[in-house]
Structure formats: C-alpha cells, structure tokens
PDB file of N, CA and C in Angstrom:
ATOM      1  N   MET A   1       0.850  -1.184  -0.012  1.00  0.00           N
ATOM      2  CA  MET A   1      -0.032  -0.031   0.010  1.00  0.00           C
ATOM      3  C   MET A   1       0.890   1.219   0.003  1.00  0.00           C
ATOM      4  N   SER A   2       0.666   2.175  -0.874  1.00  0.00           N
ATOM      5  CA  SER A   2       1.440   3.385  -0.971  1.00  0.00           C
ATOM      6  C   SER A   2       1.044   4.389   0.098  1.00  0.00           C
ATOM      7  N   GLN A   3       2.033   5.273   0.323  1.00  0.00           N
ATOM      8  CA  GLN A   3       1.811   6.329   1.335  1.00  0.00           C
ATOM      9  C   GLN A   3       1.790   7.651   0.727  1.00  0.00           C
ATOM     10  N   ILE A   4       1.124   8.591   1.361  1.00  0.00           N
ATOM     11  CA  ILE A   4       1.071   9.940   0.947  1.00  0.00           C
ATOM     12  C   ILE A   4       1.510  10.882   2.079  1.00  0.00           C
ATOM     13  N   ARG A   5       2.243  12.032   1.657  1.00  0.00           N
ATOM     14  CA  ARG A   5       2.570  13.051   2.590  1.00  0.00           C
ATOM     15  C   ARG A   5       1.567  14.175   2.434  1.00  0.00           C
ATOM     16  N   ILE A   6       0.993  14.516   3.526  1.00  0.00           N
ATOM     17  CA  ILE A   6      -0.024  15.683   3.501  1.00  0.00           C
ATOM     18  C   ILE A   6       0.636  16.851   4.240  1.00  0.00           C
ATOM     19  N   THR A   7       0.629  18.021   3.585  1.00  0.00           N
ATOM     20  CA  THR A   7       1.146  19.216   4.185  1.00  0.00           C
ATOM     21  C   THR A   7       0.104  20.229   4.294  1.00  0.00           C
ATOM     22  N   GLN A   8      -0.147  20.816   5.475  1.00  0.00           N
ATOM     23  CA  GLN A   8      -1.173  21.839   5.604  1.00  0.00           C
ATOM     24  C   GLN A   8      -0.547  23.156   5.056  1.00  0.00           C
ATOM     25  N   VAL A   9      -1.198  23.801   4.091  1.00  0.00           N
ATOM     26  CA  VAL A   9      -0.689  25.052   3.487  1.00  0.00           C
ATOM     27  C   VAL A   9      -1.478  26.309   3.888  1.00  0.00           C
ATOM     28  N   LYS A  10      -2.696  26.092   4.409  1.00  0.00           N
ATOM     29  CA  LYS A  10      -3.532  27.205   4.846  1.00  0.00           C
ATOM     30  C   LYS A  10      -4.058  26.913   6.204  1.00  0.00           C
ATOM     31  N   SER A  11      -4.401  27.972   7.001  1.00  0.00           N
ATOM     32  CA  SER A  11      -4.902  27.811   8.278  1.00  0.00           C
ATOM     33  C   SER A  11      -6.374  27.345   8.296  1.00  0.00           C
ATOM     34  N   GLY A  12      -6.688  26.770   9.413  1.00  0.00           N
ATOM     35  CA  GLY A  12      -8.107  26.294   9.629  1.00  0.00           C
ATOM     36  C   GLY A  12      -8.969  27.371  10.261  1.00  0.00           C
ATOM     37  N   ILE A  13      -8.344  28.529  10.620  1.00  0.00           N
ATOM     38  CA  ILE A  13      -9.096  29.600  11.266  1.00  0.00           C
ATOM     39  C   ILE A  13     -10.081  30.209  10.277  1.00  0.00           C
ATOM     40  N   GLY A  14     -11.312  30.294  10.812  1.00  0.00           N
ATOM     41  CA  GLY A  14     -12.360  30.878   9.956  1.00  0.00           C
ATOM     42  C   GLY A  14     -13.045  29.863   9.019  1.00  0.00           C
ATOM     43  N   ARG A  15     -12.673  28.627   9.195  1.00  0.00           N
ATOM     44  CA  ARG A  15     -13.232  27.513   8.405  1.00  0.00           C
ATOM     45  C   ARG A  15     -14.378  26.856   9.201  1.00  0.00           C
ATOM     46  N   PRO A  16     -15.295  26.204   8.573  1.00  0.00           N
ATOM     47  CA  PRO A  16     -16.307  25.467   9.241  1.00  0.00           C
ATOM     48  C   PRO A  16     -15.740  24.449  10.235  1.00  0.00           C
ATOM     49  N   GLU A  17     -16.428  24.216  11.286  1.00  0.00           N
ATOM     50  CA  GLU A  17     -15.969  23.261  12.297  1.00  0.00           C
ATOM     51  C   GLU A  17     -15.639  21.889  11.790  1.00  0.00           C
ATOM     52  N   ARG A  18     -16.432  21.439  10.837  1.00  0.00           N
ATOM     53  CA  ARG A  18     -16.243  20.193  10.200  1.00  0.00           C
ATOM     54  C   ARG A  18     -14.849  20.075   9.475  1.00  0.00           C
ATOM     55  N   GLN A  19     -14.376  21.150   8.861  1.00  0.00           N
ATOM     56  CA  GLN A  19     -13.088  21.115   8.190  1.00  0.00           C
ATOM     57  C   GLN A  19     -11.956  21.214   9.160  1.00  0.00           C
ATOM     58  N   LYS A  20     -12.270  21.951  10.278  1.00  0.00           N
ATOM     59  CA  LYS A  20     -11.220  21.964  11.331  1.00  0.00           C
ATOM     60  C   LYS A  20     -11.003  20.578  11.973  1.00  0.00           C
ATOM     61  N   ARG A  21     -12.130  19.860  12.206  1.00  0.00           N
ATOM     62  CA  ARG A  21     -12.012  18.517  12.747  1.00  0.00           C
ATOM     63  C   ARG A  21     -11.311  17.543  11.814  1.00  0.00           C
ATOM     64  N   THR A  22     -11.553  17.757  10.533  1.00  0.00           N
ATOM     65  CA  THR A  22     -10.941  16.868   9.536  1.00  0.00           C
ATOM     66  C   THR A  22      -9.401  17.135   9.513  1.00  0.00           C
ATOM     67  N   LEU A  23      -9.015  18.373   9.571  1.00  0.00           N
ATOM     68  CA  LEU A  23      -7.579  18.648   9.662  1.00  0.00           C
ATOM     69  C   LEU A  23      -6.954  17.998  10.917  1.00  0.00           C
ATOM     70  N   HIS A  24      -7.643  18.105  12.029  1.00  0.00           N
ATOM     71  CA  HIS A  24      -7.215  17.557  13.269  1.00  0.00           C
ATOM     72  C   HIS A  24      -7.053  16.102  13.247  1.00  0.00           C
ATOM     73  N   ALA A  25      -8.037  15.428  12.605  1.00  0.00           N
ATOM     74  CA  ALA A  25      -8.029  13.969  12.477  1.00  0.00           C
ATOM     75  C   ALA A  25      -6.923  13.462  11.570  1.00  0.00           C
ATOM     76  N   LEU A  26      -6.563  14.297  10.547  1.00  0.00           N
ATOM     77  CA  LEU A  26      -5.389  13.938   9.754  1.00  0.00           C
ATOM     78  C   LEU A  26      -4.019  14.150  10.402  1.00  0.00           C
ATOM     79  N   GLY A  27      -4.097  14.747  11.606  1.00  0.00           N
ATOM     80  CA  GLY A  27      -2.849  15.041  12.323  1.00  0.00           C
ATOM     81  C   GLY A  27      -2.207  16.389  12.041  1.00  0.00           C
ATOM     82  N   LEU A  28      -3.037  17.304  11.423  1.00  0.00           N
ATOM     83  CA  LEU A  28      -2.413  18.544  11.033  1.00  0.00           C
ATOM     84  C   LEU A  28      -2.982  19.568  12.071  1.00  0.00           C
ATOM     85  N   ARG A  29      -2.075  20.133  12.816  1.00  0.00           N
ATOM     86  CA  ARG A  29      -2.459  21.097  13.881  1.00  0.00           C
ATOM     87  C   ARG A  29      -2.278  22.547  13.608  1.00  0.00           C
ATOM     88  N   HIS A  30      -1.332  22.846  12.607  1.00  0.00           N
ATOM     89  CA  HIS A  30      -1.005  24.186  12.293  1.00  0.00           C
ATOM     90  C   HIS A  30      -0.438  24.218  10.851  1.00  0.00           C
ATOM     91  N   PRO A  31      -0.442  25.409  10.247  1.00  0.00           N
ATOM     92  CA  PRO A  31       0.093  25.540   8.835  1.00  0.00           C
ATOM     93  C   PRO A  31       1.513  25.040   8.792  1.00  0.00           C
ATOM     94  N   HIS A  32       1.873  24.375   7.691  1.00  0.00           N
ATOM     95  CA  HIS A  32       3.163  23.727   7.376  1.00  0.00           C
ATOM     96  C   HIS A  32       3.407  22.486   8.270  1.00  0.00           C
ATOM     97  N   ALA A  33       2.380  22.021   8.888  1.00  0.00           N
ATOM     98  CA  ALA A  33       2.471  20.724   9.571  1.00  0.00           C
ATOM     99  C   ALA A  33       2.448  19.635   8.529  1.00  0.00           C
ATOM    100  N   VAL A  34       3.110  18.498   8.738  1.00  0.00           N
ATOM    101  CA  VAL A  34       3.199  17.446   7.816  1.00  0.00           C
ATOM    102  C   VAL A  34       2.767  16.143   8.520  1.00  0.00           C
ATOM    103  N   ALA A  35       1.975  15.348   7.753  1.00  0.00           N
ATOM    104  CA  ALA A  35       1.570  14.073   8.271  1.00  0.00           C
ATOM    105  C   ALA A  35       1.747  12.997   7.166  1.00  0.00           C
ATOM    106  N   VAL A  36       2.093  11.789   7.435  1.00  0.00           N
ATOM    107  CA  VAL A  36       2.228  10.792   6.512  1.00  0.00           C
ATOM    108  C   VAL A  36       1.189   9.689   6.818  1.00  0.00           C
ATOM    109  N   HIS A  37       0.415   9.275   5.833  1.00  0.00           N
ATOM    110  CA  HIS A  37      -0.635   8.279   5.953  1.00  0.00           C
ATOM    111  C   HIS A  37      -0.559   7.346   4.839  1.00  0.00           C
ATOM    112  N   HIS A  38      -1.136   6.105   5.063  1.00  0.00           N
ATOM    113  CA  HIS A  38      -1.374   5.138   4.009  1.00  0.00           C
ATOM    114  C   HIS A  38      -2.462   5.669   3.106  1.00  0.00           C
ATOM    115  N   SER A  39      -2.294   5.449   1.821  1.00  0.00           N
ATOM    116  CA  SER A  39      -3.305   5.948   0.899  1.00  0.00           C
ATOM    117  C   SER A  39      -4.476   4.903   0.816  1.00  0.00           C
ATOM    118  N   ASN A  40      -5.533   5.155   1.636  1.00  0.00           N
ATOM    119  CA  ASN A  40      -6.679   4.367   1.665  1.00  0.00           C
ATOM    120  C   ASN A  40      -7.889   5.165   1.361  1.00  0.00           C
ATOM    121  N   PRO A  41      -9.089   4.602   1.090  1.00  0.00           N
ATOM    122  CA  PRO A  41     -10.253   5.379   0.739  1.00  0.00           C
ATOM    123  C   PRO A  41     -10.697   6.375   1.879  1.00  0.00           C
ATOM    124  N   GLN A  42     -10.491   5.944   3.110  1.00  0.00           N
ATOM    125  CA  GLN A  42     -10.839   6.835   4.262  1.00  0.00           C
ATOM    126  C   GLN A  42     -10.010   8.106   4.258  1.00  0.00           C
ATOM    127  N   ILE A  43      -8.713   7.972   4.133  1.00  0.00           N
ATOM    128  CA  ILE A  43      -7.782   9.115   4.175  1.00  0.00           C
ATOM    129  C   ILE A  43      -7.985   9.929   2.925  1.00  0.00           C
ATOM    130  N   LEU A  44      -8.166   9.350   1.795  1.00  0.00           N
ATOM    131  CA  LEU A  44      -8.366  10.112   0.557  1.00  0.00           C
ATOM    132  C   LEU A  44      -9.680  10.877   0.581  1.00  0.00           C
ATOM    133  N   GLY A  45     -10.686  10.398   1.147  1.00  0.00           N
ATOM    134  CA  GLY A  45     -11.924  11.088   1.331  1.00  0.00           C
ATOM    135  C   GLY A  45     -11.799  12.296   2.308  1.00  0.00           C
ATOM    136  N   MET A  46     -10.998  12.146   3.367  1.00  0.00           N
ATOM    137  CA  MET A  46     -10.752  13.278   4.249  1.00  0.00           C
ATOM    138  C   MET A  46      -9.989  14.336   3.584  1.00  0.00           C
ATOM    139  N   VAL A  47      -8.981  13.941   2.759  1.00  0.00           N
ATOM    140  CA  VAL A  47      -8.189  14.940   2.050  1.00  0.00           C
ATOM    141  C   VAL A  47      -9.018  15.641   1.038  1.00  0.00           C
ATOM    142  N   ALA A  48      -9.892  14.972   0.356  1.00  0.00           N
ATOM    143  CA  ALA A  48     -10.788  15.580  -0.619  1.00  0.00           C
ATOM    144  C   ALA A  48     -11.608  16.757   0.017  1.00  0.00           C
ATOM    145  N   LYS A  49     -12.030  16.572   1.282  1.00  0.00           N
ATOM    146  CA  LYS A  49     -12.894  17.528   2.072  1.00  0.00           C
ATOM    147  C   LYS A  49     -12.065  18.803   2.355  1.00  0.00           C
ATOM    148  N   VAL A  50     -10.734  18.674   2.509  1.00  0.00           N
ATOM    149  CA  VAL A  50      -9.926  19.868   2.856  1.00  0.00           C
ATOM    150  C   VAL A  50      -8.855  20.060   1.798  1.00  0.00           C
ATOM    151  N   ALA A  51      -9.128  19.733   0.506  1.00  0.00           N
ATOM    152  CA  ALA A  51      -8.102  19.842  -0.534  1.00  0.00           C
ATOM    153  C   ALA A  51      -7.688  21.229  -0.782  1.00  0.00           C
ATOM    154  N   HIS A  52      -8.485  22.238  -0.373  1.00  0.00           N
ATOM    155  CA  HIS A  52      -8.107  23.635  -0.600  1.00  0.00           C
ATOM    156  C   HIS A  52      -7.179  24.166   0.512  1.00  0.00           C
ATOM    157  N   LEU A  53      -6.918  23.265   1.543  1.00  0.00           N
ATOM    158  CA  LEU A  53      -6.092  23.732   2.682  1.00  0.00           C
ATOM    159  C   LEU A  53      -4.811  22.909   2.747  1.00  0.00           C
ATOM    160  N   VAL A  54      -4.666  21.847   1.958  1.00  0.00           N
ATOM    161  CA  VAL A  54      -3.596  20.963   2.045  1.00  0.00           C
ATOM    162  C   VAL A  54      -2.869  20.725   0.661  1.00  0.00           C
ATOM    163  N   LYS A  55      -1.631  20.227   0.732  1.00  0.00           N
ATOM    164  CA  LYS A  55      -0.907  19.712  -0.435  1.00  0.00           C
ATOM    165  C   LYS A  55      -0.584  18.307  -0.229  1.00  0.00           C
ATOM    166  N   VAL A  56      -0.807  17.465  -1.235  1.00  0.00           N
ATOM    167  CA  VAL A  56      -0.599  16.029  -1.124  1.00  0.00           C
ATOM    168  C   VAL A  56       0.465  15.558  -2.124  1.00  0.00           C
ATOM    169  N   GLU A  57       1.396  14.779  -1.562  1.00  0.00           N
ATOM    170  CA  GLU A  57       2.485  14.163  -2.417  1.00  0.00           C
ATOM    171  C   GLU A  57       2.548  12.685  -2.197  1.00  0.00           C
ATOM    172  N   ALA A  58       2.769  11.959  -3.279  1.00  0.00           N
ATOM    173  CA  ALA A  58       3.003  10.496  -3.055  1.00  0.00           C
ATOM    174  C   ALA A  58       4.409  10.293  -2.607  1.00  0.00           C
ATOM    175  N   ILE A  59       4.617   9.271  -1.757  1.00  0.00           N
ATOM    176  CA  ILE A  59       5.946   8.945  -1.271  1.00  0.00           C
ATOM    177  C   ILE A  59       6.419   7.682  -1.981  1.00  0.00           C
TER     178      ILE A  59
END
C-alpha cells in the first residue's frame, strides 16, 4: 500500500468546524505541519474535503 505526505498550507481559522476537525483527524495542527498516511479510501476522502487547505504528495 502506498503512502502519501499531507502538508497543511492554509490555516483552519475561519473555516467550518467540520473542516477543522478533519484537519485535526489527519494530524495537522498548524500551517506547514506534515503528516504521512497510507493511501486508503478513508484518508483520501478526508483529504478531498480539505483539498483547498492541504498539499498532497505520493511517497
């Protein structure tokens, strides 16, 4: 299973609570935070919900 590196590029301040919780669940607490996850449907769905706040790279 491949992995992806998720980097938060924009702040969650002023965003809906649901998006803030999604960032937190991905392990992103502040801008420029980086998290590495396995590329599975659950993670990819979460990334899709906050795609405008993060950058995704395949590892």
